[in-house]
């Protein structure tokens, strides 16, 4: 799981109440809903890669090509 960081947020009480109601309607905690809203906003603005792109850019688990002698390195990809 990704590391989480804590920080203090000063917020207008009316905004906080509205977000809390929305979180309750969606059966989320206030914290989870704020994170969800920020994540959506960042993706729409093009400032955060979608999760599928992030996963594709991360190295895959398994054997390297040098360990298997085959491109892609997956020892189980071809039958013996």
PDB file of N, CA and C in Angstrom:
ATOM      1  N   UNK A   1       0.838  -1.171   0.000  1.00  0.00           N
ATOM      2  CA  UNK A   1       0.000   0.000   0.000  1.00  0.00           C
ATOM      3  C   UNK A   1       0.885   1.236   0.000  1.00  0.00           C
ATOM      4  N   UNK A   2       0.431   2.287  -0.651  1.00  0.00           N
ATOM      5  CA  UNK A   2       1.184   3.526  -0.738  1.00  0.00           C
ATOM      6  C   UNK A   2       1.293   4.190   0.631  1.00  0.00           C
ATOM      7  N   UNK A   3       2.399   4.862   0.818  1.00  0.00           N
ATOM      8  CA  UNK A   3       2.610   5.595   2.066  1.00  0.00           C
ATOM      9  C   UNK A   3       1.634   6.763   2.136  1.00  0.00           C
ATOM     10  N   UNK A   4       1.134   7.049   3.298  1.00  0.00           N
ATOM     11  CA  UNK A   4       0.222   8.176   3.512  1.00  0.00           C
ATOM     12  C   UNK A   4       0.942   9.220   4.356  1.00  0.00           C
ATOM     13  N   UNK A   5       0.695  10.485   4.047  1.00  0.00           N
ATOM     14  CA  UNK A   5       1.269  11.591   4.812  1.00  0.00           C
ATOM     15  C   UNK A   5       0.144  12.394   5.422  1.00  0.00           C
ATOM     16  N   UNK A   6       0.368  12.879   6.613  1.00  0.00           N
ATOM     17  CA  UNK A   6      -0.617  13.704   7.321  1.00  0.00           C
ATOM     18  C   UNK A   6      -0.265  15.167   7.171  1.00  0.00           C
ATOM     19  N   UNK A   7      -1.302  16.011   7.139  1.00  0.00           N
ATOM     20  CA  UNK A   7      -1.085  17.449   7.142  1.00  0.00           C
ATOM     21  C   UNK A   7      -2.332  18.140   7.671  1.00  0.00           C
ATOM     22  N   UNK A   8      -2.141  19.359   8.148  1.00  0.00           N
ATOM     23  CA  UNK A   8      -3.231  20.160   8.696  1.00  0.00           C
ATOM     24  C   UNK A   8      -3.898  20.905   7.550  1.00  0.00           C
ATOM     25  N   UNK A   9      -5.223  20.902   7.515  1.00  0.00           N
ATOM     26  CA  UNK A   9      -5.971  21.593   6.473  1.00  0.00           C
ATOM     27  C   UNK A   9      -6.898  22.608   7.118  1.00  0.00           C
ATOM     28  N   UNK A  10      -6.736  23.862   6.726  1.00  0.00           N
ATOM     29  CA  UNK A  10      -7.677  24.910   7.160  1.00  0.00           C
ATOM     30  C   UNK A  10      -8.716  25.026   6.064  1.00  0.00           C
ATOM     31  N   UNK A  11      -9.995  24.946   6.428  1.00  0.00           N
ATOM     32  CA  UNK A  11     -11.058  24.909   5.436  1.00  0.00           C
ATOM     33  C   UNK A  11     -12.280  25.665   5.940  1.00  0.00           C
ATOM     34  N   UNK A  12     -12.974  26.282   5.030  1.00  0.00           N
ATOM     35  CA  UNK A  12     -14.217  26.984   5.352  1.00  0.00           C
ATOM     36  C   UNK A  12     -15.209  25.970   5.931  1.00  0.00           C
ATOM     37  N   UNK A  13     -15.832  26.267   7.068  1.00  0.00           N
ATOM     38  CA  UNK A  13     -16.749  25.306   7.694  1.00  0.00           C
ATOM     39  C   UNK A  13     -17.897  24.862   6.779  1.00  0.00           C
ATOM     40  N   UNK A  14     -18.396  25.768   5.936  1.00  0.00           N
ATOM     41  CA  UNK A  14     -19.490  25.383   5.018  1.00  0.00           C
ATOM     42  C   UNK A  14     -19.011  24.375   3.985  1.00  0.00           C
ATOM     43  N   UNK A  15     -17.776  24.550   3.511  1.00  0.00           N
ATOM     44  CA  UNK A  15     -17.211  23.601   2.544  1.00  0.00           C
ATOM     45  C   UNK A  15     -17.017  22.248   3.223  1.00  0.00           C
ATOM     46  N   UNK A  16     -16.498  22.262   4.430  1.00  0.00           N
ATOM     47  CA  UNK A  16     -16.294  21.022   5.170  1.00  0.00           C
ATOM     48  C   UNK A  16     -17.612  20.283   5.389  1.00  0.00           C
ATOM     49  N   UNK A  17     -18.655  21.009   5.778  1.00  0.00           N
ATOM     50  CA  UNK A  17     -19.965  20.379   5.992  1.00  0.00           C
ATOM     51  C   UNK A  17     -20.513  19.781   4.697  1.00  0.00           C
ATOM     52  N   UNK A  18     -20.357  20.499   3.589  1.00  0.00           N
ATOM     53  CA  UNK A  18     -20.846  19.994   2.305  1.00  0.00           C
ATOM     54  C   UNK A  18     -20.090  18.741   1.879  1.00  0.00           C
ATOM     55  N   UNK A  19     -18.772  18.736   2.060  1.00  0.00           N
ATOM     56  CA  UNK A  19     -17.973  17.556   1.697  1.00  0.00           C
ATOM     57  C   UNK A  19     -18.312  16.398   2.622  1.00  0.00           C
ATOM     58  N   UNK A  20     -18.537  16.674   3.899  1.00  0.00           N
ATOM     59  CA  UNK A  20     -18.918  15.607   4.840  1.00  0.00           C
ATOM     60  C   UNK A  20     -20.248  14.982   4.439  1.00  0.00           C
ATOM     61  N   UNK A  21     -21.233  15.804   4.057  1.00  0.00           N
ATOM     62  CA  UNK A  21     -22.528  15.264   3.602  1.00  0.00           C
ATOM     63  C   UNK A  21     -22.347  14.395   2.360  1.00  0.00           C
ATOM     64  N   UNK A  22     -21.522  14.877   1.423  1.00  0.00           N
ATOM     65  CA  UNK A  22     -21.271  14.127   0.190  1.00  0.00           C
ATOM     66  C   UNK A  22     -20.580  12.802   0.508  1.00  0.00           C
ATOM     67  N   UNK A  23     -19.605  12.833   1.404  1.00  0.00           N
ATOM     68  CA  UNK A  23     -18.915  11.610   1.817  1.00  0.00           C
ATOM     69  C   UNK A  23     -19.901  10.626   2.438  1.00  0.00           C
ATOM     70  N   UNK A  24     -20.783  11.131   3.289  1.00  0.00           N
ATOM     71  CA  UNK A  24     -21.789  10.270   3.916  1.00  0.00           C
ATOM     72  C   UNK A  24     -22.699   9.637   2.865  1.00  0.00           C
ATOM     73  N   UNK A  25     -23.119  10.442   1.877  1.00  0.00           N
ATOM     74  CA  UNK A  25     -23.981   9.923   0.813  1.00  0.00           C
ATOM     75  C   UNK A  25     -23.299   8.805   0.021  1.00  0.00           C
ATOM     76  N   UNK A  26     -21.973   8.921  -0.160  1.00  0.00           N
ATOM     77  CA  UNK A  26     -21.212   7.923  -0.916  1.00  0.00           C
ATOM     78  C   UNK A  26     -20.607   6.830  -0.031  1.00  0.00           C
ATOM     79  N   UNK A  27     -20.984   6.845   1.248  1.00  0.00           N
ATOM     80  CA  UNK A  27     -20.505   5.847   2.219  1.00  0.00           C
ATOM     81  C   UNK A  27     -18.980   5.810   2.313  1.00  0.00           C
ATOM     82  N   UNK A  28     -18.376   7.010   2.317  1.00  0.00           N
ATOM     83  CA  UNK A  28     -16.928   7.131   2.475  1.00  0.00           C
ATOM     84  C   UNK A  28     -16.641   7.924   3.746  1.00  0.00           C
ATOM     85  N   UNK A  29     -15.431   7.747   4.262  1.00  0.00           N
ATOM     86  CA  UNK A  29     -14.994   8.629   5.343  1.00  0.00           C
ATOM     87  C   UNK A  29     -14.705   9.996   4.738  1.00  0.00           C
ATOM     88  N   UNK A  30     -14.692  11.017   5.562  1.00  0.00           N
ATOM     89  CA  UNK A  30     -14.383  12.357   5.091  1.00  0.00           C
ATOM     90  C   UNK A  30     -12.994  12.377   4.457  1.00  0.00           C
ATOM     91  N   UNK A  31     -12.029  11.775   5.097  1.00  0.00           N
ATOM     92  CA  UNK A  31     -10.665  11.738   4.584  1.00  0.00           C
ATOM     93  C   UNK A  31     -10.610  11.048   3.227  1.00  0.00           C
ATOM     94  N   UNK A  32     -11.241   9.893   3.103  1.00  0.00           N
ATOM     95  CA  UNK A  32     -11.230   9.155   1.840  1.00  0.00           C
ATOM     96  C   UNK A  32     -11.911   9.956   0.731  1.00  0.00           C
ATOM     97  N   UNK A  33     -12.971  10.670   1.074  1.00  0.00           N
ATOM     98  CA  UNK A  33     -13.689  11.437   0.066  1.00  0.00           C
ATOM     99  C   UNK A  33     -12.869  12.642  -0.403  1.00  0.00           C
ATOM    100  N   UNK A  34     -12.203  13.307   0.517  1.00  0.00           N
ATOM    101  CA  UNK A  34     -11.343  14.429   0.128  1.00  0.00           C
ATOM    102  C   UNK A  34     -10.234  13.926  -0.788  1.00  0.00           C
ATOM    103  N   UNK A  35      -9.618  12.808  -0.443  1.00  0.00           N
ATOM    104  CA  UNK A  35      -8.560  12.240  -1.285  1.00  0.00           C
ATOM    105  C   UNK A  35      -9.106  11.849  -2.660  1.00  0.00           C
ATOM    106  N   UNK A  36     -10.297  11.265  -2.692  1.00  0.00           N
ATOM    107  CA  UNK A  36     -10.949  10.890  -3.943  1.00  0.00           C
ATOM    108  C   UNK A  36     -11.184  12.121  -4.819  1.00  0.00           C
ATOM    109  N   UNK A  37     -11.720  13.196  -4.236  1.00  0.00           N
ATOM    110  CA  UNK A  37     -11.997  14.418  -4.989  1.00  0.00           C
ATOM    111  C   UNK A  37     -10.710  15.053  -5.517  1.00  0.00           C
ATOM    112  N   UNK A  38      -9.680  15.086  -4.699  1.00  0.00           N
ATOM    113  CA  UNK A  38      -8.401  15.633  -5.144  1.00  0.00           C
ATOM    114  C   UNK A  38      -7.819  14.798  -6.282  1.00  0.00           C
ATOM    115  N   UNK A  39      -7.886  13.490  -6.150  1.00  0.00           N
ATOM    116  CA  UNK A  39      -7.366  12.583  -7.173  1.00  0.00           C
ATOM    117  C   UNK A  39      -8.080  12.807  -8.504  1.00  0.00           C
ATOM    118  N   UNK A  40      -9.406  12.878  -8.475  1.00  0.00           N
ATOM    119  CA  UNK A  40     -10.189  13.119  -9.696  1.00  0.00           C
ATOM    120  C   UNK A  40      -9.819  14.451 -10.329  1.00  0.00           C
ATOM    121  N   UNK A  41      -9.717  15.479  -9.519  1.00  0.00           N
ATOM    122  CA  UNK A  41      -9.409  16.811 -10.016  1.00  0.00           C
ATOM    123  C   UNK A  41      -8.016  16.861 -10.654  1.00  0.00           C
ATOM    124  N   UNK A  42      -7.046  16.231 -10.013  1.00  0.00           N
ATOM    125  CA  UNK A  42      -5.687  16.192 -10.547  1.00  0.00           C
ATOM    126  C   UNK A  42      -5.627  15.440 -11.876  1.00  0.00           C
ATOM    127  N   UNK A  43      -6.355  14.330 -11.988  1.00  0.00           N
ATOM    128  CA  UNK A  43      -6.376  13.579 -13.250  1.00  0.00           C
ATOM    129  C   UNK A  43      -7.001  14.409 -14.366  1.00  0.00           C
ATOM    130  N   UNK A  44      -8.136  15.066 -14.079  1.00  0.00           N
ATOM    131  CA  UNK A  44      -8.802  15.892 -15.099  1.00  0.00           C
ATOM    132  C   UNK A  44      -7.920  17.038 -15.566  1.00  0.00           C
ATOM    133  N   UNK A  45      -7.113  17.587 -14.667  1.00  0.00           N
ATOM    134  CA  UNK A  45      -6.237  18.701 -15.005  1.00  0.00           C
ATOM    135  C   UNK A  45      -4.946  18.230 -15.680  1.00  0.00           C
ATOM    136  N   UNK A  46      -4.770  16.911 -15.779  1.00  0.00           N
ATOM    137  CA  UNK A  46      -3.568  16.367 -16.406  1.00  0.00           C
ATOM    138  C   UNK A  46      -2.333  16.455 -15.537  1.00  0.00           C
ATOM    139  N   UNK A  47      -2.530  16.566 -14.246  1.00  0.00           N
ATOM    140  CA  UNK A  47      -1.404  16.688 -13.323  1.00  0.00           C
ATOM    141  C   UNK A  47      -1.098  15.397 -12.574  1.00  0.00           C
ATOM    142  N   UNK A  48      -1.859  14.346 -12.848  1.00  0.00           N
ATOM    143  CA  UNK A  48      -1.635  13.046 -12.219  1.00  0.00           C
ATOM    144  C   UNK A  48      -1.985  11.981 -13.239  1.00  0.00           C
ATOM    145  N   UNK A  49      -1.059  11.040 -13.460  1.00  0.00           N
ATOM    146  CA  UNK A  49      -1.328   9.968 -14.405  1.00  0.00           C
ATOM    147  C   UNK A  49      -2.429   9.073 -13.864  1.00  0.00           C
ATOM    148  N   UNK A  50      -3.282   8.547 -14.758  1.00  0.00           N
ATOM    149  CA  UNK A  50      -4.246   7.538 -14.308  1.00  0.00           C
ATOM    150  C   UNK A  50      -3.505   6.330 -13.747  1.00  0.00           C
ATOM    151  N   UNK A  51      -4.132   5.607 -12.842  1.00  0.00           N
ATOM    152  CA  UNK A  51      -3.499   4.464 -12.184  1.00  0.00           C
ATOM    153  C   UNK A  51      -3.007   3.447 -13.199  1.00  0.00           C
ATOM    154  N   UNK A  52      -3.767   3.199 -14.281  1.00  0.00           N
ATOM    155  CA  UNK A  52      -3.359   2.218 -15.281  1.00  0.00           C
ATOM    156  C   UNK A  52      -2.044   2.626 -15.943  1.00  0.00           C
ATOM    157  N   UNK A  53      -1.827   3.921 -16.208  1.00  0.00           N
ATOM    158  CA  UNK A  53      -0.570   4.386 -16.789  1.00  0.00           C
ATOM    159  C   UNK A  53       0.569   4.271 -15.790  1.00  0.00           C
ATOM    160  N   UNK A  54       0.297   4.543 -14.512  1.00  0.00           N
ATOM    161  CA  UNK A  54       1.330   4.424 -13.494  1.00  0.00           C
ATOM    162  C   UNK A  54       1.788   2.983 -13.384  1.00  0.00           C
ATOM    163  N   UNK A  55       0.851   2.052 -13.393  1.00  0.00           N
ATOM    164  CA  UNK A  55       1.190   0.638 -13.272  1.00  0.00           C
ATOM    165  C   UNK A  55       1.984   0.172 -14.477  1.00  0.00           C
ATOM    166  N   UNK A  56       1.643   0.673 -15.670  1.00  0.00           N
ATOM    167  CA  UNK A  56       2.341   0.265 -16.882  1.00  0.00           C
ATOM    168  C   UNK A  56       3.775   0.769 -16.901  1.00  0.00           C
ATOM    169  N   UNK A  57       4.046   1.910 -16.269  1.00  0.00           N
ATOM    170  CA  UNK A  57       5.390   2.471 -16.283  1.00  0.00           C
ATOM    171  C   UNK A  57       6.286   1.878 -15.191  1.00  0.00           C
ATOM    172  N   UNK A  58       5.696   1.158 -14.242  1.00  0.00           N
ATOM    173  CA  UNK A  58       6.485   0.539 -13.178  1.00  0.00           C
ATOM    174  C   UNK A  58       7.027  -0.796 -13.658  1.00  0.00           C
ATOM    175  N   UNK A  59       8.231  -1.179 -13.203  1.00  0.00           N
ATOM    176  CA  UNK A  59       8.795  -2.458 -13.622  1.00  0.00           C
ATOM    177  C   UNK A  59       7.928  -3.631 -13.176  1.00  0.00           C
ATOM    178  N   UNK A  60       7.837  -4.630 -14.021  1.00  0.00           N
ATOM    179  CA  UNK A  60       7.049  -5.819 -13.717  1.00  0.00           C
ATOM    180  C   UNK A  60       7.858  -6.759 -12.817  1.00  0.00           C
ATOM    181  N   UNK A  61       7.162  -7.469 -11.967  1.00  0.00           N
ATOM    182  CA  UNK A  61       7.816  -8.459 -11.106  1.00  0.00           C
ATOM    183  C   UNK A  61       8.170  -9.679 -11.940  1.00  0.00           C
ATOM    184  N   UNK A  62       9.168 -10.397 -11.544  1.00  0.00           N
ATOM    185  CA  UNK A  62       9.529 -11.616 -12.253  1.00  0.00           C
ATOM    186  C   UNK A  62      11.011 -11.628 -12.571  1.00  0.00           C
ATOM    187  N   UNK A  63      11.381 -12.538 -13.449  1.00  0.00           N
ATOM    188  CA  UNK A  63      12.779 -12.708 -13.808  1.00  0.00           C
ATOM    189  C   UNK A  63      13.173 -11.722 -14.890  1.00  0.00           C
ATOM    190  N   UNK A  64      14.414 -11.290 -14.878  1.00  0.00           N
ATOM    191  CA  UNK A  64      14.910 -10.405 -15.925  1.00  0.00           C
ATOM    192  C   UNK A  64      15.317 -11.242 -17.126  1.00  0.00           C
ATOM    193  N   UNK A  65      15.523 -10.580 -18.262  1.00  0.00           N
ATOM    194  CA  UNK A  65      15.935 -11.273 -19.486  1.00  0.00           C
ATOM    195  C   UNK A  65      17.257 -11.994 -19.263  1.00  0.00           C
ATOM    196  N   UNK A  66      18.161 -11.385 -18.505  1.00  0.00           N
ATOM    197  CA  UNK A  66      19.462 -12.009 -18.269  1.00  0.00           C
ATOM    198  C   UNK A  66      19.330 -13.292 -17.455  1.00  0.00           C
ATOM    199  N   UNK A  67      18.284 -13.407 -16.646  1.00  0.00           N
ATOM    200  CA  UNK A  67      18.084 -14.611 -15.837  1.00  0.00           C
ATOM    201  C   UNK A  67      17.445 -15.746 -16.637  1.00  0.00           C
ATOM    202  N   UNK A  68      16.652 -15.412 -17.648  1.00  0.00           N
ATOM    203  CA  UNK A  68      15.930 -16.443 -18.394  1.00  0.00           C
ATOM    204  C   UNK A  68      16.472 -16.659 -19.797  1.00  0.00           C
ATOM    205  N   UNK A  69      17.185 -15.650 -20.326  1.00  0.00           N
ATOM    206  CA  UNK A  69      17.682 -15.745 -21.687  1.00  0.00           C
ATOM    207  C   UNK A  69      16.624 -15.435 -22.727  1.00  0.00           C
ATOM    208  N   UNK A  70      15.423 -15.029 -22.308  1.00  0.00           N
ATOM    209  CA  UNK A  70      14.339 -14.714 -23.240  1.00  0.00           C
ATOM    210  C   UNK A  70      13.910 -13.269 -23.053  1.00  0.00           C
ATOM    211  N   UNK A  71      13.534 -12.586 -24.151  1.00  0.00           N
ATOM    212  CA  UNK A  71      13.013 -11.229 -24.001  1.00  0.00           C
ATOM    213  C   UNK A  71      11.792 -11.232 -23.094  1.00  0.00           C
ATOM    214  N   UNK A  72      11.647 -10.220 -22.301  1.00  0.00           N
ATOM    215  CA  UNK A  72      10.526 -10.139 -21.372  1.00  0.00           C
ATOM    216  C   UNK A  72      10.843 -10.798 -20.055  1.00  0.00           C
ATOM    217  N   UNK A  73      11.714 -11.781 -20.093  1.00  0.00           N
ATOM    218  CA  UNK A  73      12.221 -12.389 -18.883  1.00  0.00           C
ATOM    219  C   UNK A  73      11.306 -13.312 -18.129  1.00  0.00           C
ATOM    220  N   UNK A  74      10.073 -13.544 -18.578  1.00  0.00           N
ATOM    221  CA  UNK A  74       9.138 -14.372 -17.818  1.00  0.00           C
ATOM    222  C   UNK A  74       9.454 -15.840 -18.025  1.00  0.00           C
ATOM    223  N   UNK A  75       9.931 -16.486 -16.995  1.00  0.00           N
ATOM    224  CA  UNK A  75      10.343 -17.878 -17.078  1.00  0.00           C
ATOM    225  C   UNK A  75       9.172 -18.798 -17.362  1.00  0.00           C
ATOM    226  N   UNK A  76       7.964 -18.401 -16.997  1.00  0.00           N
ATOM    227  CA  UNK A  76       6.787 -19.267 -17.168  1.00  0.00           C
ATOM    228  C   UNK A  76       6.021 -18.963 -18.443  1.00  0.00           C
ATOM    229  N   UNK A  77       6.511 -18.056 -19.295  1.00  0.00           N
ATOM    230  CA  UNK A  77       5.740 -17.647 -20.460  1.00  0.00           C
ATOM    231  C   UNK A  77       5.751 -18.676 -21.578  1.00  0.00           C
ATOM    232  N   UNK A  78       6.755 -19.556 -21.611  1.00  0.00           N
ATOM    233  CA  UNK A  78       6.810 -20.575 -22.659  1.00  0.00           C
ATOM    234  C   UNK A  78       6.857 -21.952 -22.013  1.00  0.00           C
ATOM    235  N   UNK A  79       6.216 -22.939 -22.642  1.00  0.00           N
ATOM    236  CA  UNK A  79       6.286 -24.287 -22.078  1.00  0.00           C
ATOM    237  C   UNK A  79       7.685 -24.871 -22.205  1.00  0.00           C
ATOM    238  N   UNK A  80       8.013 -25.780 -21.328  1.00  0.00           N
ATOM    239  CA  UNK A  80       9.336 -26.416 -21.353  1.00  0.00           C
ATOM    240  C   UNK A  80       9.423 -27.497 -22.389  1.00  0.00           C
TER     241      UNK A  80
END
